Amino acid sequence: MHSFNYLFYRYRFLLLYIAFGIISLLVELFVGRALISFNISSFFSLALSFIVGLITAFGLNIRFNFHIAQPKRQRALLYFTLISSVSYLVQYFFRQKLIYFGLPMELSRFLIAGLFFIISYLLHRKFSFKEFKKVGVAIYADGVEDIKLIYDRISNISDFIHIDIVDKSFNPTCKDVKAYRAEVVRAYWQKKKIEVHIMSKTPSIWLQDLLPYVDIIYIHAEIDENVQEVIKKIESAGVKAGIAVGISEKLQSIYPFLENVKHVLLLAIPKPGFSGQKFDMEILPWIDELNQHANRQNFEICLDGGVNQTTVKYLNVESVVSGSFILSAPNPIKNIMLLQTSGEYEKY
C-alpha cells in the first residue's frame, strides 16, 4: 500500500488531471445533450457545454491538484482557456471526420480528446499550471549542517533548496557563516533551483561566495547598505534578486522595491536564525495585503518559518520553505509531500 501511495503521489498531477478531464468531459456531454433536448441549436449547445466543461476542469485542477495561489488564478484561467479552446477547435475538425464515418458524437469526442490529451497536458503544465505551490528545504550555511546526510534523506523530492545565512548583525548568538557551502549544495542538487536568504545588515559581504552557485538571493530592506545597489550587484551577476521581510519588521519597508523585484520572502517567525519556532498567524494579513498589491501579478511570494502540514493550508502563496518539520522528521520525504499537497498527501 505504501508503494502504491508513493507511486500515485509521484504521478499525481497527471493522474488527477486525467480524472478531472474525464469528469469534465462527462459534464460537457451531459450538458450538451440536455441543451439539445430543449431544442437549443447545436452551435450554442456545443459552445455552452464546452464552457461548462472547461470551468469544471479548471476549478477541480486548481483546487485539488495544483493549488495555485489566488492572485495567479486569473492568468492561469486565461492560459487554460486559450489552450483548451484551440485544442477543442482542432479536435472538432477531426471529430467531424469520425462522425462522417458513423461514430456517435459522444464516442468521437472521447476518442479525439484522448489522442490530443498528452499535448494539452504538457501545454497546461508549462503555461496554465506552472505556478503550483512549491516546497523548499531550508539548510543553514553555518558549517554544522551535514549536507550529504540531508541529500541522502530527501534526494530530489523537494522543488528547490533554500540556504539560510545568518550573521551576528542579525543574531549575535549565531555560529560563524560558511557562505562558501553554497558550492557544496550546488554540487549535490545540480539541477534544482537554489535560493539564499541573507539575514545580515551588510549582505554584500557574502555575495562573492554565493553568486556563482545560486539562482535567487533575498536581502532585507532594513539594512546598513543601499538596497538598490545590492540588488544591482546581484542582478549584474545573472542572479535574481528578492526582498525579504520578517514579522518583527514592517511590511511597508519592502513596498518601494515591489516594482522591481520578482520575488518576495515572508518570515512568519519572530527571531530570524532560530530553527523550530512557532508559526505566527499575524503573517496571514500580510499575505492578504500583498495579494491585493497592484503589481501582484509580477512577483512571487515565498513563506518561511513554522510551515507544517497544518499551517500550509492557510498560505495563499506560490512557495513555502520548511526546515525542522522536514529534516527532524523520521520520514522527511513524506513531510515534503504533505507540504507539496497542502497537507493532503495522506488522503492519497
Protein backbone atom coordinates (compact mmCIF):
# COMPACT_ATOMS: atom_id res chain seq x y z
CA MET A 1 0.00 0.00 0.00
CA HIS A 2 2.86 2.40 0.83
CA SER A 3 4.44 1.77 -2.59
CA PHE A 4 1.11 2.39 -4.29
CA ASN A 5 0.58 5.65 -2.39
CA TYR A 6 4.08 6.85 -3.25
CA LEU A 7 3.61 5.92 -6.92
CA PHE A 8 0.31 7.79 -7.00
CA TYR A 9 1.96 10.80 -5.40
CA ARG A 10 4.83 10.85 -7.89
CA TYR A 11 2.37 10.98 -10.80
CA ARG A 12 -0.43 12.79 -9.00
CA PHE A 13 -0.54 15.76 -11.37
CA LEU A 14 -1.03 13.52 -14.37
CA LEU A 15 -3.41 11.08 -12.69
CA LEU A 16 -5.63 13.77 -11.20
CA TYR A 17 -5.53 15.69 -14.48
CA ILE A 18 -6.81 12.55 -16.25
CA ALA A 19 -9.55 12.02 -13.65
CA PHE A 20 -10.70 15.63 -13.79
CA GLY A 21 -10.52 15.57 -17.58
CA ILE A 22 -12.87 12.58 -17.70
CA ILE A 23 -15.24 14.25 -15.25
CA SER A 24 -15.28 17.48 -17.25
CA LEU A 25 -15.93 15.57 -20.49
CA LEU A 26 -18.86 13.75 -18.90
CA VAL A 27 -20.22 17.06 -17.60
CA GLU A 28 -19.77 18.63 -21.04
CA LEU A 29 -21.57 15.79 -22.82
CA PHE A 30 -24.40 15.72 -20.26
CA VAL A 31 -24.94 19.49 -20.53
CA GLY A 32 -24.75 19.35 -24.32
CA ARG A 33 -27.34 16.58 -24.56
CA ALA A 34 -29.61 18.39 -22.07
CA LEU A 35 -29.45 21.63 -24.06
CA ILE A 36 -30.21 19.85 -27.32
CA SER A 37 -33.23 18.17 -25.67
CA PHE A 38 -34.58 21.69 -25.03
CA ASN A 39 -34.33 22.39 -28.77
CA ILE A 40 -31.35 24.72 -28.40
CA SER A 41 -29.29 24.89 -31.58
CA SER A 42 -26.32 22.58 -31.96
CA PHE A 43 -23.90 25.52 -32.16
CA PHE A 44 -24.99 27.05 -28.83
CA SER A 45 -25.29 23.63 -27.20
CA LEU A 46 -21.70 22.78 -28.14
CA ALA A 47 -20.39 26.20 -27.11
CA LEU A 48 -22.18 26.31 -23.75
CA SER A 49 -21.37 22.70 -22.86
CA PHE A 50 -17.71 23.29 -23.71
CA ILE A 51 -17.59 26.34 -21.41
CA VAL A 52 -19.19 24.38 -18.56
CA GLY A 53 -16.72 21.52 -19.05
CA LEU A 54 -13.79 23.94 -19.20
CA ILE A 55 -14.80 25.65 -15.95
CA THR A 56 -15.26 22.25 -14.29
CA ALA A 57 -11.80 21.03 -15.32
CA PHE A 58 -10.09 24.27 -14.34
CA GLY A 59 -11.84 24.51 -10.97
CA LEU A 60 -11.04 20.95 -9.99
CA ASN A 61 -7.39 21.26 -11.02
CA ILE A 62 -6.61 24.50 -9.18
CA ARG A 63 -8.47 23.35 -6.07
CA PHE A 64 -7.38 19.75 -5.70
CA ASN A 65 -4.36 19.28 -7.96
CA PHE A 66 -2.06 22.26 -8.49
CA HIS A 67 -3.02 24.52 -5.54
CA ILE A 68 -2.37 27.77 -7.40
CA ALA A 69 -2.30 30.96 -5.33
CA GLN A 70 -5.45 33.07 -5.70
CA PRO A 71 -3.77 36.11 -7.35
CA LYS A 72 -2.33 33.92 -10.11
CA ARG A 73 -5.55 32.10 -10.94
CA GLN A 74 -6.80 34.73 -13.38
CA ARG A 75 -3.68 34.34 -15.53
CA ALA A 76 -3.90 30.56 -15.22
CA LEU A 77 -7.53 30.67 -16.38
CA LEU A 78 -6.55 32.78 -19.39
CA TYR A 79 -3.90 30.29 -20.50
CA PHE A 80 -6.17 27.36 -19.72
CA THR A 81 -8.98 28.85 -21.81
CA LEU A 82 -6.74 29.67 -24.78
CA ILE A 83 -5.06 26.25 -24.85
CA SER A 84 -8.32 24.37 -24.31
CA SER A 85 -10.18 26.41 -26.94
CA VAL A 86 -7.54 25.86 -29.63
CA SER A 87 -7.39 22.17 -28.71
CA TYR A 88 -11.18 21.92 -28.87
CA LEU A 89 -11.37 23.54 -32.32
CA VAL A 90 -8.71 21.22 -33.71
CA GLN A 91 -10.43 18.25 -32.11
CA TYR A 92 -13.78 19.40 -33.52
CA PHE A 93 -12.35 19.27 -37.04
CA PHE A 94 -11.15 15.68 -36.60
CA ARG A 95 -14.30 14.70 -34.74
CA GLN A 96 -16.45 15.68 -37.69
CA LYS A 97 -14.45 13.25 -39.81
CA LEU A 98 -15.21 10.43 -37.38
CA ILE A 99 -18.89 11.32 -37.25
CA TYR A 100 -18.90 11.23 -41.04
CA PHE A 101 -17.84 7.58 -40.80
CA GLY A 102 -20.77 6.81 -38.50
CA LEU A 103 -19.28 7.11 -34.98
CA PRO A 104 -21.61 8.63 -32.34
CA MET A 105 -20.77 12.21 -31.27
CA GLU A 106 -20.03 11.26 -27.64
CA LEU A 107 -17.70 8.43 -28.59
CA SER A 108 -15.85 10.54 -31.14
CA ARG A 109 -15.39 13.29 -28.51
CA PHE A 110 -13.72 10.84 -26.10
CA LEU A 111 -11.52 9.27 -28.77
CA ILE A 112 -10.23 12.56 -30.16
CA ALA A 113 -9.76 14.06 -26.66
CA GLY A 114 -7.67 11.02 -25.74
CA LEU A 115 -5.47 11.41 -28.81
CA PHE A 116 -4.83 15.10 -28.05
CA PHE A 117 -4.54 14.57 -24.30
CA ILE A 118 -0.77 14.47 -23.86
CA ILE A 119 -0.21 17.61 -25.94
CA SER A 120 -2.82 19.55 -23.98
CA TYR A 121 -1.44 18.28 -20.67
CA LEU A 122 2.12 19.36 -21.47
CA LEU A 123 0.93 22.80 -22.58
CA HIS A 124 -1.17 23.26 -19.44
CA ARG A 125 1.76 22.21 -17.22
CA LYS A 126 4.05 24.69 -18.99
CA PHE A 127 1.65 27.65 -19.06
CA SER A 128 -1.67 27.23 -17.21
CA PHE A 129 -0.48 25.44 -14.07
CA LYS A 130 3.20 26.40 -13.92
CA GLU A 131 2.76 28.26 -10.62
CA PHE A 132 1.57 25.37 -8.46
CA LYS A 133 2.67 25.53 -4.82
CA LYS A 134 6.34 24.57 -4.49
CA VAL A 135 8.28 23.42 -1.41
CA GLY A 136 11.88 24.17 -0.47
CA VAL A 137 14.06 22.61 2.22
CA ALA A 138 15.99 25.03 4.44
CA ILE A 139 19.69 24.46 5.05
CA TYR A 140 21.84 26.69 7.29
CA ALA A 141 25.24 27.69 5.87
CA ASP A 142 26.93 27.51 9.25
CA GLY A 143 29.30 24.57 8.89
CA VAL A 144 27.16 22.40 11.18
CA GLU A 145 24.59 21.06 8.74
CA ASP A 146 25.56 17.72 7.20
CA ILE A 147 24.66 18.46 3.58
CA LYS A 148 25.41 14.94 2.36
CA LEU A 149 23.14 13.47 5.02
CA ILE A 150 20.37 15.89 4.04
CA TYR A 151 20.76 14.89 0.41
CA ASP A 152 20.66 11.19 1.32
CA ARG A 153 17.44 11.75 3.26
CA ILE A 154 15.46 13.95 0.82
CA SER A 155 17.15 13.25 -2.53
CA ASN A 156 15.47 15.38 -5.24
CA ILE A 157 11.91 15.30 -3.88
CA SER A 158 11.72 18.99 -2.90
CA ASP A 159 11.11 21.62 -5.57
CA PHE A 160 14.07 23.77 -4.54
CA ILE A 161 16.75 24.21 -1.88
CA HIS A 162 16.74 27.23 0.43
CA ILE A 163 20.01 28.29 2.08
CA ASP A 164 19.85 30.47 5.19
CA ILE A 165 22.76 32.75 6.01
CA VAL A 166 22.58 34.44 9.39
CA ASP A 167 25.42 36.57 10.70
CA LYS A 168 25.92 38.27 14.05
CA SER A 169 24.39 41.55 12.85
CA PHE A 170 21.03 39.75 12.81
CA ASN A 171 21.60 37.16 15.52
CA PRO A 172 24.51 37.78 17.96
CA THR A 173 24.45 34.15 19.13
CA CYS A 174 24.64 32.56 15.68
CA LYS A 175 27.50 30.33 14.55
CA ASP A 176 30.07 31.53 12.05
CA VAL A 177 28.79 31.83 8.50
CA LYS A 178 30.16 29.44 5.89
CA ALA A 179 28.75 31.05 2.74
CA TYR A 180 31.08 29.02 0.53
CA ARG A 181 28.98 25.95 1.36
CA ALA A 182 26.61 27.11 -1.37
CA GLU A 183 29.07 25.41 -3.74
CA VAL A 184 28.56 22.13 -1.88
CA VAL A 185 24.78 22.49 -2.06
CA ARG A 186 25.02 23.10 -5.81
CA ALA A 187 27.22 20.02 -6.21
CA TYR A 188 24.52 17.82 -4.67
CA TRP A 189 21.47 19.48 -6.25
CA GLN A 190 22.86 20.34 -9.67
CA LYS A 191 19.51 20.74 -11.42
CA LYS A 192 17.47 22.24 -8.58
CA LYS A 193 16.70 25.89 -8.11
CA ILE A 194 18.79 27.14 -5.20
CA GLU A 195 17.85 30.30 -3.35
CA VAL A 196 19.59 32.09 -0.49
CA HIS A 197 18.16 34.23 2.27
CA ILE A 198 20.82 36.56 3.64
CA MET A 199 19.99 37.74 7.14
CA SER A 200 22.64 40.42 7.54
CA LYS A 201 22.86 44.19 7.85
CA THR A 202 25.68 44.05 5.29
CA PRO A 203 24.60 41.33 2.82
CA SER A 204 27.06 42.32 0.09
CA ILE A 205 29.99 40.83 2.03
CA TRP A 206 28.59 37.35 1.34
CA LEU A 207 27.81 37.76 -2.36
CA GLN A 208 31.18 36.66 -3.74
CA ASP A 209 30.78 33.17 -2.23
CA LEU A 210 27.16 32.86 -3.36
CA LEU A 211 26.66 34.33 -6.80
CA PRO A 212 28.31 31.57 -8.87
CA TYR A 213 26.11 28.82 -7.37
CA VAL A 214 22.61 30.13 -6.69
CA ASP A 215 19.55 31.32 -8.61
CA ILE A 216 17.85 33.76 -6.21
CA ILE A 217 19.22 35.88 -3.36
CA TYR A 218 16.89 37.53 -0.84
CA ILE A 219 18.04 40.53 1.17
CA HIS A 220 16.19 42.62 3.75
CA ALA A 221 15.06 46.18 3.21
CA GLU A 222 16.18 47.31 6.67
CA ILE A 223 19.96 47.01 6.24
CA ASP A 224 23.01 49.25 6.59
CA GLU A 225 23.68 49.28 2.84
CA ASN A 226 21.90 50.83 -0.12
CA VAL A 227 19.31 48.20 -1.03
CA GLN A 228 19.11 49.19 -4.70
CA GLU A 229 22.88 48.97 -5.06
CA VAL A 230 22.96 45.48 -3.56
CA ILE A 231 20.12 44.42 -5.88
CA LYS A 232 22.12 45.71 -8.86
CA LYS A 233 25.18 43.71 -7.77
CA ILE A 234 23.08 40.55 -7.57
CA GLU A 235 21.34 41.03 -10.90
CA SER A 236 24.52 42.07 -12.73
CA ALA A 237 25.86 38.58 -11.98
CA GLY A 238 22.85 37.00 -13.68
CA VAL A 239 21.15 36.05 -10.41
CA LYS A 240 17.62 37.07 -9.47
CA ALA A 241 17.21 39.42 -6.52
CA GLY A 242 14.42 39.15 -3.96
CA ILE A 243 13.31 41.24 -1.00
CA ALA A 244 12.68 39.70 2.43
CA VAL A 245 10.76 40.93 5.46
CA GLY A 246 10.14 39.34 8.85
CA ILE A 247 7.13 39.57 11.12
CA SER A 248 9.24 41.62 13.54
CA GLU A 249 9.85 44.22 10.81
CA LYS A 250 7.50 46.49 8.89
CA LEU A 251 5.79 45.13 5.79
CA GLN A 252 5.78 48.61 4.27
CA SER A 253 9.58 48.57 4.24
CA ILE A 254 9.57 46.37 1.13
CA TYR A 255 6.93 48.35 -0.81
CA PRO A 256 9.42 50.66 -2.59
CA PHE A 257 11.03 47.58 -4.19
CA LEU A 258 7.94 45.68 -5.36
CA GLU A 259 8.03 47.37 -8.76
CA ASN A 260 11.47 45.94 -9.48
CA VAL A 261 11.91 42.57 -7.75
CA LYS A 262 10.17 39.39 -8.85
CA HIS A 263 10.48 37.53 -5.56
CA VAL A 264 9.26 38.31 -2.03
CA LEU A 265 10.14 36.28 1.06
CA LEU A 266 7.97 36.50 4.19
CA LEU A 267 9.28 35.27 7.56
CA ALA A 268 6.49 34.03 9.80
CA ILE A 269 8.70 33.75 12.88
CA PRO A 270 9.82 36.50 15.29
CA LYS A 271 13.55 35.64 15.52
CA PRO A 272 15.43 35.09 12.25
CA GLY A 273 18.10 32.43 12.51
CA PHE A 274 16.42 30.20 15.10
CA SER A 275 15.02 26.94 13.78
CA GLY A 276 11.84 25.29 15.11
CA GLN A 277 9.92 28.46 16.01
CA LYS A 278 6.14 28.56 16.06
CA PHE A 279 4.27 29.94 13.07
CA ASP A 280 2.96 33.46 13.75
CA MET A 281 -0.63 33.79 12.50
CA GLU A 282 -0.13 37.56 12.18
CA ILE A 283 1.58 36.85 8.88
CA LEU A 284 -1.75 35.92 7.26
CA PRO A 285 -2.99 39.56 6.98
CA TRP A 286 0.38 40.39 5.41
CA ILE A 287 -0.21 37.73 2.76
CA ASP A 288 -3.68 39.14 2.09
CA GLU A 289 -2.27 42.66 1.81
CA LEU A 290 0.44 41.63 -0.63
CA ASN A 291 -2.05 39.61 -2.66
CA GLN A 292 -4.03 42.84 -3.18
CA HIS A 293 -0.98 44.78 -4.33
CA ALA A 294 -1.35 46.43 -7.74
CA ASN A 295 1.83 44.76 -9.00
CA ARG A 296 1.00 41.30 -7.59
CA GLN A 297 0.98 39.57 -10.99
CA ASN A 298 4.65 40.42 -11.41
CA PHE A 299 6.13 38.93 -8.24
CA GLU A 300 6.01 35.61 -6.40
CA ILE A 301 5.65 35.16 -2.65
CA CYS A 302 7.61 32.58 -0.69
CA LEU A 303 6.91 31.99 3.00
CA ASP A 304 9.40 30.64 5.52
CA GLY A 305 9.06 29.83 9.22
CA GLY A 306 6.83 27.44 11.13
CA VAL A 307 5.48 25.78 8.00
CA ASN A 308 3.95 22.35 8.62
CA GLN A 309 1.05 20.23 7.35
CA THR A 310 -1.44 22.35 9.33
CA THR A 311 -0.23 25.87 8.60
CA VAL A 312 0.48 25.26 4.90
CA LYS A 313 -3.26 25.07 4.19
CA TYR A 314 -3.65 28.76 5.03
CA LEU A 315 -0.78 30.02 2.89
CA ASN A 316 -2.04 31.61 -0.32
CA VAL A 317 1.46 31.90 -1.80
CA GLU A 318 3.48 30.35 -4.62
CA SER A 319 6.06 28.56 -2.47
CA VAL A 320 6.95 27.66 1.11
CA VAL A 321 10.16 26.78 2.94
CA SER A 322 10.49 24.36 5.83
CA GLY A 323 13.45 23.23 7.89
CA SER A 324 12.73 21.41 11.14
CA PHE A 325 9.35 19.99 10.04
CA ILE A 326 11.13 18.17 7.23
CA LEU A 327 14.64 17.48 8.49
CA SER A 328 13.66 16.50 12.04
CA ALA A 329 11.03 14.05 10.83
CA PRO A 330 11.57 10.26 10.77
CA ASN A 331 10.32 10.33 7.17
CA PRO A 332 11.33 13.70 5.65
CA ILE A 333 10.17 12.76 2.14
CA LYS A 334 6.65 12.15 3.42
CA ASN A 335 6.62 15.58 5.06
CA ILE A 336 7.78 17.22 1.85
CA MET A 337 4.88 15.52 0.11
CA LEU A 338 2.49 16.77 2.77
CA LEU A 339 3.58 20.35 2.12
CA GLN A 340 3.52 19.97 -1.68
CA THR A 341 -0.09 18.82 -1.49
CA SER A 342 -1.11 21.43 1.13
CA GLY A 343 -1.47 18.72 3.77
CA GLU A 344 -3.47 16.33 1.57
CA TYR A 345 -0.85 13.65 0.79
CA GLU A 346 -2.15 11.29 3.47
CA LYS A 347 -5.53 11.30 1.70
CA TYR A 348 -3.83 9.64 -1.26
